[in-house]
């Protein structure tokens, strides 16, 4: 499989995926991160996570999960 086929497969798999923050469709040329609790995908830029930052996250929790846990 070449790089073009991998990108096409990736877009087919996530073609209907919308960002949980801005509701824009998935694009393979942007960094995305998935909430490990709700399994919702987000643009890295929408949740202020870079690829470099994500490499150090063991379990990503989206803003909704983080805020939910912060409440008593």
PDB file of N, CA and C in Angstrom:
ATOM      1  N   UNK A   1       0.859  -1.178   0.000  1.00  0.00           N
ATOM      2  CA  UNK A   1       0.000   0.000   0.000  1.00  0.00           C
ATOM      3  C   UNK A   1       0.902   1.238   0.000  1.00  0.00           C
ATOM      4  N   UNK A   2       0.607   2.182  -0.863  1.00  0.00           N
ATOM      5  CA  UNK A   2       1.417   3.400  -0.903  1.00  0.00           C
ATOM      6  C   UNK A   2       0.771   4.494  -0.048  1.00  0.00           C
ATOM      7  N   UNK A   3       1.454   5.624   0.075  1.00  0.00           N
ATOM      8  CA  UNK A   3       0.968   6.711   0.931  1.00  0.00           C
ATOM      9  C   UNK A   3      -0.394   7.237   0.501  1.00  0.00           C
ATOM     10  N   UNK A   4      -0.628   7.343  -0.819  1.00  0.00           N
ATOM     11  CA  UNK A   4      -1.918   7.838  -1.310  1.00  0.00           C
ATOM     12  C   UNK A   4      -3.052   6.907  -0.907  1.00  0.00           C
ATOM     13  N   UNK A   5      -2.811   5.590  -0.990  1.00  0.00           N
ATOM     14  CA  UNK A   5      -3.838   4.624  -0.606  1.00  0.00           C
ATOM     15  C   UNK A   5      -4.111   4.687   0.890  1.00  0.00           C
ATOM     16  N   UNK A   6      -3.056   4.893   1.699  1.00  0.00           N
ATOM     17  CA  UNK A   6      -3.235   4.997   3.141  1.00  0.00           C
ATOM     18  C   UNK A   6      -4.078   6.213   3.494  1.00  0.00           C
ATOM     19  N   UNK A   7      -3.826   7.344   2.864  1.00  0.00           N
ATOM     20  CA  UNK A   7      -4.603   8.562   3.108  1.00  0.00           C
ATOM     21  C   UNK A   7      -6.047   8.339   2.702  1.00  0.00           C
ATOM     22  N   UNK A   8      -6.263   7.704   1.553  1.00  0.00           N
ATOM     23  CA  UNK A   8      -7.619   7.436   1.072  1.00  0.00           C
ATOM     24  C   UNK A   8      -8.355   6.515   2.039  1.00  0.00           C
ATOM     25  N   UNK A   9      -7.698   5.448   2.517  1.00  0.00           N
ATOM     26  CA  UNK A   9      -8.316   4.542   3.480  1.00  0.00           C
ATOM     27  C   UNK A   9      -8.647   5.271   4.773  1.00  0.00           C
ATOM     28  N   UNK A  10      -7.737   6.123   5.220  1.00  0.00           N
ATOM     29  CA  UNK A  10      -7.928   6.895   6.434  1.00  0.00           C
ATOM     30  C   UNK A  10      -9.140   7.808   6.294  1.00  0.00           C
ATOM     31  N   UNK A  11      -9.266   8.475   5.150  1.00  0.00           N
ATOM     32  CA  UNK A  11     -10.404   9.369   4.928  1.00  0.00           C
ATOM     33  C   UNK A  11     -11.700   8.583   4.781  1.00  0.00           C
ATOM     34  N   UNK A  12     -11.657   7.389   4.172  1.00  0.00           N
ATOM     35  CA  UNK A  12     -12.851   6.554   4.080  1.00  0.00           C
ATOM     36  C   UNK A  12     -13.323   6.154   5.476  1.00  0.00           C
ATOM     37  N   UNK A  13     -12.380   5.770   6.322  1.00  0.00           N
ATOM     38  CA  UNK A  13     -12.704   5.324   7.674  1.00  0.00           C
ATOM     39  C   UNK A  13     -13.303   6.446   8.516  1.00  0.00           C
ATOM     40  N   UNK A  14     -12.793   7.662   8.367  1.00  0.00           N
ATOM     41  CA  UNK A  14     -13.221   8.787   9.189  1.00  0.00           C
ATOM     42  C   UNK A  14     -14.032   9.820   8.412  1.00  0.00           C
ATOM     43  N   UNK A  15     -14.469   9.498   7.222  1.00  0.00           N
ATOM     44  CA  UNK A  15     -15.160  10.451   6.365  1.00  0.00           C
ATOM     45  C   UNK A  15     -16.377  11.102   6.988  1.00  0.00           C
ATOM     46  N   UNK A  16     -17.081  10.383   7.837  1.00  0.00           N
ATOM     47  CA  UNK A  16     -18.278  10.912   8.496  1.00  0.00           C
ATOM     48  C   UNK A  16     -17.964  11.495   9.869  1.00  0.00           C
ATOM     49  N   UNK A  17     -16.706  11.449  10.267  1.00  0.00           N
ATOM     50  CA  UNK A  17     -16.313  11.914  11.593  1.00  0.00           C
ATOM     51  C   UNK A  17     -16.318  13.435  11.662  1.00  0.00           C
ATOM     52  N   UNK A  18     -16.976  13.963  12.679  1.00  0.00           N
ATOM     53  CA  UNK A  18     -17.016  15.406  12.909  1.00  0.00           C
ATOM     54  C   UNK A  18     -16.262  15.722  14.192  1.00  0.00           C
ATOM     55  N   UNK A  19     -15.630  16.866  14.208  1.00  0.00           N
ATOM     56  CA  UNK A  19     -14.946  17.329  15.408  1.00  0.00           C
ATOM     57  C   UNK A  19     -15.987  17.603  16.494  1.00  0.00           C
ATOM     58  N   UNK A  20     -15.750  17.094  17.685  1.00  0.00           N
ATOM     59  CA  UNK A  20     -16.666  17.293  18.802  1.00  0.00           C
ATOM     60  C   UNK A  20     -16.740  18.733  19.276  1.00  0.00           C
ATOM     61  N   UNK A  21     -15.787  19.559  18.862  1.00  0.00           N
ATOM     62  CA  UNK A  21     -15.783  20.965  19.273  1.00  0.00           C
ATOM     63  C   UNK A  21     -16.371  21.884  18.209  1.00  0.00           C
ATOM     64  N   UNK A  22     -15.939  21.713  16.948  1.00  0.00           N
ATOM     65  CA  UNK A  22     -16.349  22.668  15.903  1.00  0.00           C
ATOM     66  C   UNK A  22     -17.268  22.056  14.841  1.00  0.00           C
ATOM     67  N   UNK A  23     -17.484  20.747  14.891  1.00  0.00           N
ATOM     68  CA  UNK A  23     -18.377  20.021  13.970  1.00  0.00           C
ATOM     69  C   UNK A  23     -17.928  20.020  12.513  1.00  0.00           C
ATOM     70  N   UNK A  24     -16.639  20.262  12.253  1.00  0.00           N
ATOM     71  CA  UNK A  24     -16.101  20.203  10.894  1.00  0.00           C
ATOM     72  C   UNK A  24     -15.659  18.770  10.607  1.00  0.00           C
ATOM     73  N   UNK A  25     -15.828  18.319   9.354  1.00  0.00           N
ATOM     74  CA  UNK A  25     -15.458  16.963   8.953  1.00  0.00           C
ATOM     75  C   UNK A  25     -13.977  16.671   9.124  1.00  0.00           C
ATOM     76  N   UNK A  26     -13.691  15.383   9.269  1.00  0.00           N
ATOM     77  CA  UNK A  26     -12.321  14.890   9.360  1.00  0.00           C
ATOM     78  C   UNK A  26     -11.532  15.225   8.100  1.00  0.00           C
ATOM     79  N   UNK A  27     -10.274  15.582   8.284  1.00  0.00           N
ATOM     80  CA  UNK A  27      -9.338  15.785   7.175  1.00  0.00           C
ATOM     81  C   UNK A  27      -8.009  15.165   7.590  1.00  0.00           C
ATOM     82  N   UNK A  28      -7.448  14.337   6.723  1.00  0.00           N
ATOM     83  CA  UNK A  28      -6.239  13.597   7.075  1.00  0.00           C
ATOM     84  C   UNK A  28      -5.004  14.471   7.208  1.00  0.00           C
ATOM     85  N   UNK A  29      -5.068  15.705   6.732  1.00  0.00           N
ATOM     86  CA  UNK A  29      -3.893  16.575   6.815  1.00  0.00           C
ATOM     87  C   UNK A  29      -3.850  17.381   8.119  1.00  0.00           C
ATOM     88  N   UNK A  30      -4.758  17.087   9.041  1.00  0.00           N
ATOM     89  CA  UNK A  30      -4.789  17.774  10.329  1.00  0.00           C
ATOM     90  C   UNK A  30      -4.637  16.749  11.446  1.00  0.00           C
ATOM     91  N   UNK A  31      -4.055  17.172  12.569  1.00  0.00           N
ATOM     92  CA  UNK A  31      -3.930  16.286  13.725  1.00  0.00           C
ATOM     93  C   UNK A  31      -5.263  16.211  14.464  1.00  0.00           C
ATOM     94  N   UNK A  32      -5.683  14.988  14.749  1.00  0.00           N
ATOM     95  CA  UNK A  32      -6.912  14.731  15.495  1.00  0.00           C
ATOM     96  C   UNK A  32      -6.576  13.891  16.714  1.00  0.00           C
ATOM     97  N   UNK A  33      -7.383  14.024  17.762  1.00  0.00           N
ATOM     98  CA  UNK A  33      -7.217  13.209  18.961  1.00  0.00           C
ATOM     99  C   UNK A  33      -8.598  12.742  19.405  1.00  0.00           C
ATOM    100  N   UNK A  34      -8.658  11.516  19.908  1.00  0.00           N
ATOM    101  CA  UNK A  34      -9.937  10.927  20.312  1.00  0.00           C
ATOM    102  C   UNK A  34     -10.028  10.855  21.832  1.00  0.00           C
ATOM    103  N   UNK A  35     -11.164  11.252  22.364  1.00  0.00           N
ATOM    104  CA  UNK A  35     -11.419  11.127  23.798  1.00  0.00           C
ATOM    105  C   UNK A  35     -11.543   9.641  24.130  1.00  0.00           C
ATOM    106  N   UNK A  36     -10.756   9.178  25.087  1.00  0.00           N
ATOM    107  CA  UNK A  36     -10.776   7.768  25.460  1.00  0.00           C
ATOM    108  C   UNK A  36     -12.005   7.390  26.279  1.00  0.00           C
ATOM    109  N   UNK A  37     -12.736   8.360  26.768  1.00  0.00           N
ATOM    110  CA  UNK A  37     -13.948   8.091  27.541  1.00  0.00           C
ATOM    111  C   UNK A  37     -15.176   8.054  26.624  1.00  0.00           C
ATOM    112  N   UNK A  38     -15.421   9.154  25.900  1.00  0.00           N
ATOM    113  CA  UNK A  38     -16.602   9.271  25.041  1.00  0.00           C
ATOM    114  C   UNK A  38     -16.384   8.783  23.614  1.00  0.00           C
ATOM    115  N   UNK A  39     -15.117   8.529  23.248  1.00  0.00           N
ATOM    116  CA  UNK A  39     -14.764   8.119  21.884  1.00  0.00           C
ATOM    117  C   UNK A  39     -15.245   9.136  20.842  1.00  0.00           C
ATOM    118  N   UNK A  40     -15.056  10.402  21.155  1.00  0.00           N
ATOM    119  CA  UNK A  40     -15.375  11.506  20.252  1.00  0.00           C
ATOM    120  C   UNK A  40     -14.059  12.085  19.761  1.00  0.00           C
ATOM    121  N   UNK A  41     -13.984  12.370  18.456  1.00  0.00           N
ATOM    122  CA  UNK A  41     -12.766  12.912  17.856  1.00  0.00           C
ATOM    123  C   UNK A  41     -12.778  14.436  17.865  1.00  0.00           C
ATOM    124  N   UNK A  42     -11.583  15.011  18.016  1.00  0.00           N
ATOM    125  CA  UNK A  42     -11.402  16.463  18.047  1.00  0.00           C
ATOM    126  C   UNK A  42     -10.192  16.851  17.220  1.00  0.00           C
ATOM    127  N   UNK A  43     -10.272  18.016  16.562  1.00  0.00           N
ATOM    128  CA  UNK A  43      -9.060  18.602  15.985  1.00  0.00           C
ATOM    129  C   UNK A  43      -8.139  18.905  17.162  1.00  0.00           C
ATOM    130  N   UNK A  44      -6.866  18.638  17.009  1.00  0.00           N
ATOM    131  CA  UNK A  44      -5.921  18.995  18.056  1.00  0.00           C
ATOM    132  C   UNK A  44      -5.995  20.472  18.389  1.00  0.00           C
ATOM    133  N   UNK A  45      -6.130  21.301  17.336  1.00  0.00           N
ATOM    134  CA  UNK A  45      -6.163  22.757  17.559  1.00  0.00           C
ATOM    135  C   UNK A  45      -7.402  23.185  18.345  1.00  0.00           C
ATOM    136  N   UNK A  46      -8.507  22.460  18.205  1.00  0.00           N
ATOM    137  CA  UNK A  46      -9.734  22.826  18.921  1.00  0.00           C
ATOM    138  C   UNK A  46      -9.628  22.563  20.425  1.00  0.00           C
ATOM    139  N   UNK A  47      -8.810  21.567  20.803  1.00  0.00           N
ATOM    140  CA  UNK A  47      -8.657  21.236  22.223  1.00  0.00           C
ATOM    141  C   UNK A  47      -7.253  21.579  22.731  1.00  0.00           C
ATOM    142  N   UNK A  48      -6.521  22.345  21.908  1.00  0.00           N
ATOM    143  CA  UNK A  48      -5.180  22.835  22.263  1.00  0.00           C
ATOM    144  C   UNK A  48      -4.212  21.711  22.622  1.00  0.00           C
ATOM    145  N   UNK A  49      -4.243  20.640  21.805  1.00  0.00           N
ATOM    146  CA  UNK A  49      -3.311  19.524  21.969  1.00  0.00           C
ATOM    147  C   UNK A  49      -2.518  19.388  20.676  1.00  0.00           C
ATOM    148  N   UNK A  50      -1.206  19.362  20.791  1.00  0.00           N
ATOM    149  CA  UNK A  50      -0.349  19.144  19.624  1.00  0.00           C
ATOM    150  C   UNK A  50       0.023  17.669  19.558  1.00  0.00           C
ATOM    151  N   UNK A  51       0.528  17.243  18.416  1.00  0.00           N
ATOM    152  CA  UNK A  51       0.991  15.865  18.272  1.00  0.00           C
ATOM    153  C   UNK A  51       2.067  15.576  19.314  1.00  0.00           C
ATOM    154  N   UNK A  52       2.986  16.505  19.507  1.00  0.00           N
ATOM    155  CA  UNK A  52       4.062  16.319  20.487  1.00  0.00           C
ATOM    156  C   UNK A  52       3.500  16.146  21.902  1.00  0.00           C
ATOM    157  N   UNK A  53       2.491  16.940  22.250  1.00  0.00           N
ATOM    158  CA  UNK A  53       1.853  16.827  23.568  1.00  0.00           C
ATOM    159  C   UNK A  53       1.118  15.494  23.691  1.00  0.00           C
ATOM    160  N   UNK A  54       0.425  15.105  22.630  1.00  0.00           N
ATOM    161  CA  UNK A  54      -0.380  13.881  22.642  1.00  0.00           C
ATOM    162  C   UNK A  54       0.468  12.638  22.868  1.00  0.00           C
ATOM    163  N   UNK A  55       1.703  12.663  22.401  1.00  0.00           N
ATOM    164  CA  UNK A  55       2.583  11.506  22.570  1.00  0.00           C
ATOM    165  C   UNK A  55       2.856  11.201  24.037  1.00  0.00           C
ATOM    166  N   UNK A  56       2.631  12.167  24.928  1.00  0.00           N
ATOM    167  CA  UNK A  56       2.877  11.986  26.360  1.00  0.00           C
ATOM    168  C   UNK A  56       1.592  11.750  27.155  1.00  0.00           C
ATOM    169  N   UNK A  57       0.462  11.688  26.473  1.00  0.00           N
ATOM    170  CA  UNK A  57      -0.826  11.483  27.141  1.00  0.00           C
ATOM    171  C   UNK A  57      -1.169   9.999  27.083  1.00  0.00           C
ATOM    172  N   UNK A  58      -1.373   9.391  28.255  1.00  0.00           N
ATOM    173  CA  UNK A  58      -1.720   7.967  28.289  1.00  0.00           C
ATOM    174  C   UNK A  58      -3.200   7.755  27.995  1.00  0.00           C
ATOM    175  N   UNK A  59      -4.042   8.604  28.567  1.00  0.00           N
ATOM    176  CA  UNK A  59      -5.486   8.527  28.322  1.00  0.00           C
ATOM    177  C   UNK A  59      -5.992   9.953  28.137  1.00  0.00           C
ATOM    178  N   UNK A  60      -6.454  10.263  26.919  1.00  0.00           N
ATOM    179  CA  UNK A  60      -6.944  11.614  26.649  1.00  0.00           C
ATOM    180  C   UNK A  60      -8.396  11.738  27.067  1.00  0.00           C
ATOM    181  N   UNK A  61      -8.683  12.770  27.852  1.00  0.00           N
ATOM    182  CA  UNK A  61     -10.049  13.094  28.252  1.00  0.00           C
ATOM    183  C   UNK A  61     -10.391  14.454  27.672  1.00  0.00           C
ATOM    184  N   UNK A  62     -11.481  14.518  26.931  1.00  0.00           N
ATOM    185  CA  UNK A  62     -11.910  15.758  26.286  1.00  0.00           C
ATOM    186  C   UNK A  62     -12.345  16.788  27.334  1.00  0.00           C
ATOM    187  N   UNK A  63     -12.561  18.031  26.914  1.00  0.00           N
ATOM    188  CA  UNK A  63     -12.998  19.067  27.865  1.00  0.00           C
ATOM    189  C   UNK A  63     -14.275  18.688  28.623  1.00  0.00           C
ATOM    190  N   UNK A  64     -15.216  18.021  27.975  1.00  0.00           N
ATOM    191  CA  UNK A  64     -16.458  17.625  28.657  1.00  0.00           C
ATOM    192  C   UNK A  64     -16.166  16.636  29.783  1.00  0.00           C
ATOM    193  N   UNK A  65     -15.274  15.681  29.543  1.00  0.00           N
ATOM    194  CA  UNK A  65     -14.899  14.708  30.579  1.00  0.00           C
ATOM    195  C   UNK A  65     -14.151  15.391  31.713  1.00  0.00           C
ATOM    196  N   UNK A  66     -13.240  16.265  31.360  1.00  0.00           N
ATOM    197  CA  UNK A  66     -12.442  16.975  32.355  1.00  0.00           C
ATOM    198  C   UNK A  66     -13.338  17.837  33.237  1.00  0.00           C
ATOM    199  N   UNK A  67     -14.272  18.566  32.639  1.00  0.00           N
ATOM    200  CA  UNK A  67     -15.185  19.423  33.402  1.00  0.00           C
ATOM    201  C   UNK A  67     -16.139  18.603  34.259  1.00  0.00           C
ATOM    202  N   UNK A  68     -16.571  17.458  33.754  1.00  0.00           N
ATOM    203  CA  UNK A  68     -17.488  16.590  34.481  1.00  0.00           C
ATOM    204  C   UNK A  68     -16.832  16.089  35.767  1.00  0.00           C
ATOM    205  N   UNK A  69     -15.566  15.708  35.668  1.00  0.00           N
ATOM    206  CA  UNK A  69     -14.833  15.199  36.830  1.00  0.00           C
ATOM    207  C   UNK A  69     -14.514  16.304  37.839  1.00  0.00           C
ATOM    208  N   UNK A  70     -14.432  17.538  37.387  1.00  0.00           N
ATOM    209  CA  UNK A  70     -14.075  18.652  38.267  1.00  0.00           C
ATOM    210  C   UNK A  70     -15.228  19.036  39.197  1.00  0.00           C
ATOM    211  N   UNK A  71     -16.448  18.708  38.792  1.00  0.00           N
ATOM    212  CA  UNK A  71     -17.619  19.044  39.619  1.00  0.00           C
ATOM    213  C   UNK A  71     -17.731  18.075  40.790  1.00  0.00           C
ATOM    214  N   UNK A  72     -18.148  18.563  41.966  1.00  0.00           N
ATOM    215  CA  UNK A  72     -18.305  17.680  43.144  1.00  0.00           C
ATOM    216  C   UNK A  72     -19.494  16.762  43.023  1.00  0.00           C
TER     217      UNK A  72
END
